[in-house]
């Protein structure tokens, strides 16, 4: 069923069940990677909040969680500029850091976050993103934990928005 958000029409893309299965798989992979460690999950707001909440339900080992807010979109297009709106509130020294993103497209936000996090003497840094757009990606940073590799089309739902709307949808929709 198509939905309308503001001036755009979206069609179903991924169901809540498909998303949940992938989130569980990613949590299992992360548990295997961080056995006997206490990673810091650095959640990128606003988009990753639902993904992060679900991921943490399935990540059953010790962990720390912190939040950072970055902005790089205007409507359906990336601006090419990344702005830090809410900064780090945690010391990352000697920590394993996992950046939790809703979606990685150009990779500009990931590059900015790696630069920020690498100011600390960390043990390691990785990224866990639910959605990855390989044809849009312009960076050389390895995205280790990827849920869905998708084509370079705009999506909304499950935390992702279109002009501040649609984040609350339990499924993911693609622009028509």
C-alpha atoms as a PDB file:
ATOM      1  CA  UNK A   1       0.000   0.000   0.000  1.00  0.00           C
ATOM      2  CA  UNK A   2       1.377   3.393  -0.988  1.00  0.00           C
ATOM      3  CA  UNK A   3       1.702   6.113   1.614  1.00  0.00           C
ATOM      4  CA  UNK A   4       1.925   9.872   1.256  1.00  0.00           C
ATOM      5  CA  UNK A   5       4.360  11.945   3.319  1.00  0.00           C
ATOM      6  CA  UNK A   6       4.139  15.648   2.586  1.00  0.00           C
ATOM      7  CA  UNK A   7       4.622  15.987  -1.202  1.00  0.00           C
ATOM      8  CA  UNK A   8       6.131  12.518  -1.827  1.00  0.00           C
ATOM      9  CA  UNK A   9       4.635   9.066  -2.406  1.00  0.00           C
ATOM     10  CA  UNK A  10       6.333   5.986  -0.970  1.00  0.00           C
ATOM     11  CA  UNK A  11       5.825   2.261  -1.613  1.00  0.00           C
ATOM     12  CA  UNK A  12       6.501  -0.673   0.758  1.00  0.00           C
ATOM     13  CA  UNK A  13      10.129  -1.805   0.743  1.00  0.00           C
ATOM     14  CA  UNK A  14      10.920  -3.878   3.872  1.00  0.00           C
ATOM     15  CA  UNK A  15       8.527  -5.339   6.437  1.00  0.00           C
ATOM     16  CA  UNK A  16       8.949  -5.083  10.194  1.00  0.00           C
ATOM     17  CA  UNK A  17       9.682  -8.834  10.283  1.00  0.00           C
ATOM     18  CA  UNK A  18      12.424  -8.607   7.633  1.00  0.00           C
ATOM     19  CA  UNK A  19      14.027  -5.762   9.578  1.00  0.00           C
ATOM     20  CA  UNK A  20      13.808  -7.617  12.893  1.00  0.00           C
ATOM     21  CA  UNK A  21      15.475 -10.732  11.469  1.00  0.00           C
ATOM     22  CA  UNK A  22      18.367  -8.615  10.163  1.00  0.00           C
ATOM     23  CA  UNK A  23      18.750  -6.690  13.441  1.00  0.00           C
ATOM     24  CA  UNK A  24      18.957  -9.992  15.343  1.00  0.00           C
ATOM     25  CA  UNK A  25      21.636 -11.274  12.954  1.00  0.00           C
ATOM     26  CA  UNK A  26      23.655  -8.078  13.362  1.00  0.00           C
ATOM     27  CA  UNK A  27      23.438  -8.274  17.182  1.00  0.00           C
ATOM     28  CA  UNK A  28      24.712 -11.862  17.049  1.00  0.00           C
ATOM     29  CA  UNK A  29      27.652 -10.799  14.854  1.00  0.00           C
ATOM     30  CA  UNK A  30      28.487  -7.957  17.235  1.00  0.00           C
ATOM     31  CA  UNK A  31      28.317 -10.304  20.243  1.00  0.00           C
ATOM     32  CA  UNK A  32      30.838 -12.570  18.490  1.00  0.00           C
ATOM     33  CA  UNK A  33      33.137  -9.629  17.706  1.00  0.00           C
ATOM     34  CA  UNK A  34      33.147  -8.207  21.238  1.00  0.00           C
ATOM     35  CA  UNK A  35      33.347 -11.346  23.408  1.00  0.00           C
ATOM     36  CA  UNK A  36      34.826 -10.458  26.807  1.00  0.00           C
ATOM     37  CA  UNK A  37      34.780  -6.740  25.912  1.00  0.00           C
ATOM     38  CA  UNK A  38      32.493  -3.849  26.825  1.00  0.00           C
ATOM     39  CA  UNK A  39      32.028  -1.807  23.636  1.00  0.00           C
ATOM     40  CA  UNK A  40      30.605   1.691  23.490  1.00  0.00           C
ATOM     41  CA  UNK A  41      27.742   1.929  21.030  1.00  0.00           C
ATOM     42  CA  UNK A  42      27.780   5.496  19.727  1.00  0.00           C
ATOM     43  CA  UNK A  43      24.297   6.028  18.305  1.00  0.00           C
ATOM     44  CA  UNK A  44      23.854   8.680  15.636  1.00  0.00           C
ATOM     45  CA  UNK A  45      20.641  10.635  16.209  1.00  0.00           C
ATOM     46  CA  UNK A  46      17.979  11.116  15.108  1.00  0.00           C
ATOM     47  CA  UNK A  47      17.681   8.358  12.544  1.00  0.00           C
ATOM     48  CA  UNK A  48      19.358   5.444  14.343  1.00  0.00           C
ATOM     49  CA  UNK A  49      17.324   5.599  17.551  1.00  0.00           C
ATOM     50  CA  UNK A  50      14.858   2.808  16.653  1.00  0.00           C
ATOM     51  CA  UNK A  51      17.535   0.582  15.134  1.00  0.00           C
ATOM     52  CA  UNK A  52      19.773   1.127  18.177  1.00  0.00           C
ATOM     53  CA  UNK A  53      16.967   0.354  20.631  1.00  0.00           C
ATOM     54  CA  UNK A  54      16.154  -2.906  18.832  1.00  0.00           C
ATOM     55  CA  UNK A  55      19.834  -3.814  18.406  1.00  0.00           C
ATOM     56  CA  UNK A  56      20.441  -3.330  22.136  1.00  0.00           C
ATOM     57  CA  UNK A  57      17.502  -5.625  22.982  1.00  0.00           C
ATOM     58  CA  UNK A  58      19.348  -8.416  21.176  1.00  0.00           C
ATOM     59  CA  UNK A  59      22.864  -7.453  22.289  1.00  0.00           C
ATOM     60  CA  UNK A  60      22.831  -9.416  25.554  1.00  0.00           C
ATOM     61  CA  UNK A  61      26.359  -8.691  26.783  1.00  0.00           C
ATOM     62  CA  UNK A  62      27.747  -5.717  28.713  1.00  0.00           C
ATOM     63  CA  UNK A  63      27.877  -2.479  26.727  1.00  0.00           C
ATOM     64  CA  UNK A  64      27.851   1.278  27.087  1.00  0.00           C
ATOM     65  CA  UNK A  65      25.586   3.460  24.984  1.00  0.00           C
ATOM     66  CA  UNK A  66      26.025   7.120  24.126  1.00  0.00           C
ATOM     67  CA  UNK A  67      24.467   9.425  21.571  1.00  0.00           C
ATOM     68  CA  UNK A  68      25.692  12.003  19.096  1.00  0.00           C
ATOM     69  CA  UNK A  69      23.649  14.075  16.686  1.00  0.00           C
ATOM     70  CA  UNK A  70      24.919  14.847  13.215  1.00  0.00           C
ATOM     71  CA  UNK A  71      23.142  16.478  10.273  1.00  0.00           C
ATOM     72  CA  UNK A  72      23.844  16.190   6.555  1.00  0.00           C
ATOM     73  CA  UNK A  73      20.443  16.032   4.805  1.00  0.00           C
ATOM     74  CA  UNK A  74      17.987  18.584   3.497  1.00  0.00           C
ATOM     75  CA  UNK A  75      14.793  16.930   2.253  1.00  0.00           C
ATOM     76  CA  UNK A  76      15.770  13.901   0.140  1.00  0.00           C
ATOM     77  CA  UNK A  77      19.278  15.130  -0.744  1.00  0.00           C
ATOM     78  CA  UNK A  78      22.553  15.111   1.141  1.00  0.00           C
ATOM     79  CA  UNK A  79      24.072  18.557   1.564  1.00  0.00           C
ATOM     80  CA  UNK A  80      27.637  17.261   1.405  1.00  0.00           C
ATOM     81  CA  UNK A  81      28.338  19.009   4.723  1.00  0.00           C
ATOM     82  CA  UNK A  82      28.227  17.295   8.109  1.00  0.00           C
ATOM     83  CA  UNK A  83      27.353  19.328  11.181  1.00  0.00           C
ATOM     84  CA  UNK A  84      27.701  18.121  14.775  1.00  0.00           C
ATOM     85  CA  UNK A  85      24.524  19.183  16.576  1.00  0.00           C
ATOM     86  CA  UNK A  86      24.939  17.230  19.829  1.00  0.00           C
ATOM     87  CA  UNK A  87      28.466  16.312  20.836  1.00  0.00           C
ATOM     88  CA  UNK A  88      30.078  13.453  22.703  1.00  0.00           C
ATOM     89  CA  UNK A  89      29.407  13.204  26.424  1.00  0.00           C
ATOM     90  CA  UNK A  90      31.685  10.234  27.112  1.00  0.00           C
ATOM     91  CA  UNK A  91      35.422   9.577  27.272  1.00  0.00           C
ATOM     92  CA  UNK A  92      36.226   6.959  24.642  1.00  0.00           C
ATOM     93  CA  UNK A  93      39.827   6.346  25.747  1.00  0.00           C
ATOM     94  CA  UNK A  94      40.718   2.634  25.736  1.00  0.00           C
ATOM     95  CA  UNK A  95      37.267   1.664  24.463  1.00  0.00           C
ATOM     96  CA  UNK A  96      36.011  -0.352  21.536  1.00  0.00           C
ATOM     97  CA  UNK A  97      33.660   2.009  19.687  1.00  0.00           C
ATOM     98  CA  UNK A  98      30.808   0.903  17.449  1.00  0.00           C
ATOM     99  CA  UNK A  99      29.158   3.716  15.526  1.00  0.00           C
ATOM    100  CA  UNK A 100      25.478   2.844  15.093  1.00  0.00           C
ATOM    101  CA  UNK A 101      23.941   4.428  11.994  1.00  0.00           C
ATOM    102  CA  UNK A 102      20.558   4.051  10.358  1.00  0.00           C
ATOM    103  CA  UNK A 103      21.921   4.489   6.842  1.00  0.00           C
ATOM    104  CA  UNK A 104      25.285   5.075   5.165  1.00  0.00           C
ATOM    105  CA  UNK A 105      25.153   6.580   1.711  1.00  0.00           C
ATOM    106  CA  UNK A 106      27.989   8.983   0.772  1.00  0.00           C
ATOM    107  CA  UNK A 107      29.846   8.117   3.984  1.00  0.00           C
ATOM    108  CA  UNK A 108      30.548  11.756   4.836  1.00  0.00           C
ATOM    109  CA  UNK A 109      28.981  11.419   8.289  1.00  0.00           C
ATOM    110  CA  UNK A 110      30.965   8.238   8.990  1.00  0.00           C
ATOM    111  CA  UNK A 111      34.209   9.973   7.958  1.00  0.00           C
ATOM    112  CA  UNK A 112      33.430  12.918  10.242  1.00  0.00           C
ATOM    113  CA  UNK A 113      32.630  10.557  13.130  1.00  0.00           C
ATOM    114  CA  UNK A 114      35.831   8.545  12.608  1.00  0.00           C
ATOM    115  CA  UNK A 115      37.831  11.791  12.735  1.00  0.00           C
ATOM    116  CA  UNK A 116      36.064  12.777  15.957  1.00  0.00           C
ATOM    117  CA  UNK A 117      36.422   9.386  17.663  1.00  0.00           C
ATOM    118  CA  UNK A 118      40.036   8.910  16.599  1.00  0.00           C
ATOM    119  CA  UNK A 119      40.998  11.957  18.692  1.00  0.00           C
ATOM    120  CA  UNK A 120      40.822   9.547  21.636  1.00  0.00           C
ATOM    121  CA  UNK A 121      43.229   6.662  22.200  1.00  0.00           C
ATOM    122  CA  UNK A 122      40.630   4.021  21.393  1.00  0.00           C
ATOM    123  CA  UNK A 123      41.113   0.254  21.119  1.00  0.00           C
ATOM    124  CA  UNK A 124      39.076  -0.077  17.929  1.00  0.00           C
ATOM    125  CA  UNK A 125      36.342   1.502  15.839  1.00  0.00           C
ATOM    126  CA  UNK A 126      33.700  -0.104  13.650  1.00  0.00           C
ATOM    127  CA  UNK A 127      30.381   0.824  12.122  1.00  0.00           C
ATOM    128  CA  UNK A 128      27.059  -0.977  12.329  1.00  0.00           C
ATOM    129  CA  UNK A 129      24.508   0.367   9.863  1.00  0.00           C
ATOM    130  CA  UNK A 130      21.131  -1.082   9.041  1.00  0.00           C
ATOM    131  CA  UNK A 131      21.199   0.299   5.494  1.00  0.00           C
ATOM    132  CA  UNK A 132      24.144   0.792   3.153  1.00  0.00           C
ATOM    133  CA  UNK A 133      24.075   2.336  -0.335  1.00  0.00           C
ATOM    134  CA  UNK A 134      27.267   1.033  -1.997  1.00  0.00           C
ATOM    135  CA  UNK A 135      26.762   2.981  -5.252  1.00  0.00           C
ATOM    136  CA  UNK A 136      26.550   6.281  -3.328  1.00  0.00           C
ATOM    137  CA  UNK A 137      29.479   5.537  -0.975  1.00  0.00           C
ATOM    138  CA  UNK A 138      32.500   7.820  -1.519  1.00  0.00           C
ATOM    139  CA  UNK A 139      34.778   6.888   1.414  1.00  0.00           C
ATOM    140  CA  UNK A 140      37.438   4.219   1.955  1.00  0.00           C
ATOM    141  CA  UNK A 141      36.375   3.308   5.519  1.00  0.00           C
ATOM    142  CA  UNK A 142      35.267  -0.326   5.766  1.00  0.00           C
ATOM    143  CA  UNK A 143      31.665  -0.661   6.927  1.00  0.00           C
ATOM    144  CA  UNK A 144      31.986  -3.940   8.813  1.00  0.00           C
ATOM    145  CA  UNK A 145      28.451  -4.558  10.051  1.00  0.00           C
ATOM    146  CA  UNK A 146      25.854  -3.951   7.354  1.00  0.00           C
ATOM    147  CA  UNK A 147      22.239  -5.004   7.436  1.00  0.00           C
ATOM    148  CA  UNK A 148      20.780  -4.328   4.007  1.00  0.00           C
ATOM    149  CA  UNK A 149      22.755  -3.182   0.964  1.00  0.00           C
ATOM    150  CA  UNK A 150      20.235  -1.144  -1.007  1.00  0.00           C
ATOM    151  CA  UNK A 151      20.073   0.800  -4.235  1.00  0.00           C
ATOM    152  CA  UNK A 152      20.563   4.553  -4.165  1.00  0.00           C
ATOM    153  CA  UNK A 153      16.901   5.471  -3.658  1.00  0.00           C
ATOM    154  CA  UNK A 154      15.395   7.462  -0.807  1.00  0.00           C
ATOM    155  CA  UNK A 155      13.778   5.442   1.994  1.00  0.00           C
ATOM    156  CA  UNK A 156      11.675   6.389   5.008  1.00  0.00           C
ATOM    157  CA  UNK A 157      10.464   4.636   8.159  1.00  0.00           C
ATOM    158  CA  UNK A 158      12.045   2.754  11.062  1.00  0.00           C
ATOM    159  CA  UNK A 159      13.787   5.936  12.209  1.00  0.00           C
ATOM    160  CA  UNK A 160      14.482   7.413   8.775  1.00  0.00           C
ATOM    161  CA  UNK A 161      12.560  10.551   7.912  1.00  0.00           C
ATOM    162  CA  UNK A 162      11.513  12.769   5.073  1.00  0.00           C
ATOM    163  CA  UNK A 163      11.578  16.388   6.290  1.00  0.00           C
ATOM    164  CA  UNK A 164      11.072  15.271   9.922  1.00  0.00           C
ATOM    165  CA  UNK A 165       8.142  12.938   9.153  1.00  0.00           C
ATOM    166  CA  UNK A 166       7.837   9.167   8.825  1.00  0.00           C
ATOM    167  CA  UNK A 167      10.385   8.106  11.468  1.00  0.00           C
ATOM    168  CA  UNK A 168       7.656   6.356  13.457  1.00  0.00           C
ATOM    169  CA  UNK A 169       6.711   3.900  10.699  1.00  0.00           C
ATOM    170  CA  UNK A 170       7.452   0.291  11.682  1.00  0.00           C
ATOM    171  CA  UNK A 171       8.260  -0.703   8.102  1.00  0.00           C
ATOM    172  CA  UNK A 172      10.528   0.889   5.519  1.00  0.00           C
ATOM    173  CA  UNK A 173       9.139   2.547   2.400  1.00  0.00           C
ATOM    174  CA  UNK A 174      10.965   3.608  -0.766  1.00  0.00           C
ATOM    175  CA  UNK A 175      10.194   6.735  -2.748  1.00  0.00           C
ATOM    176  CA  UNK A 176       7.981   6.021  -5.769  1.00  0.00           C
END
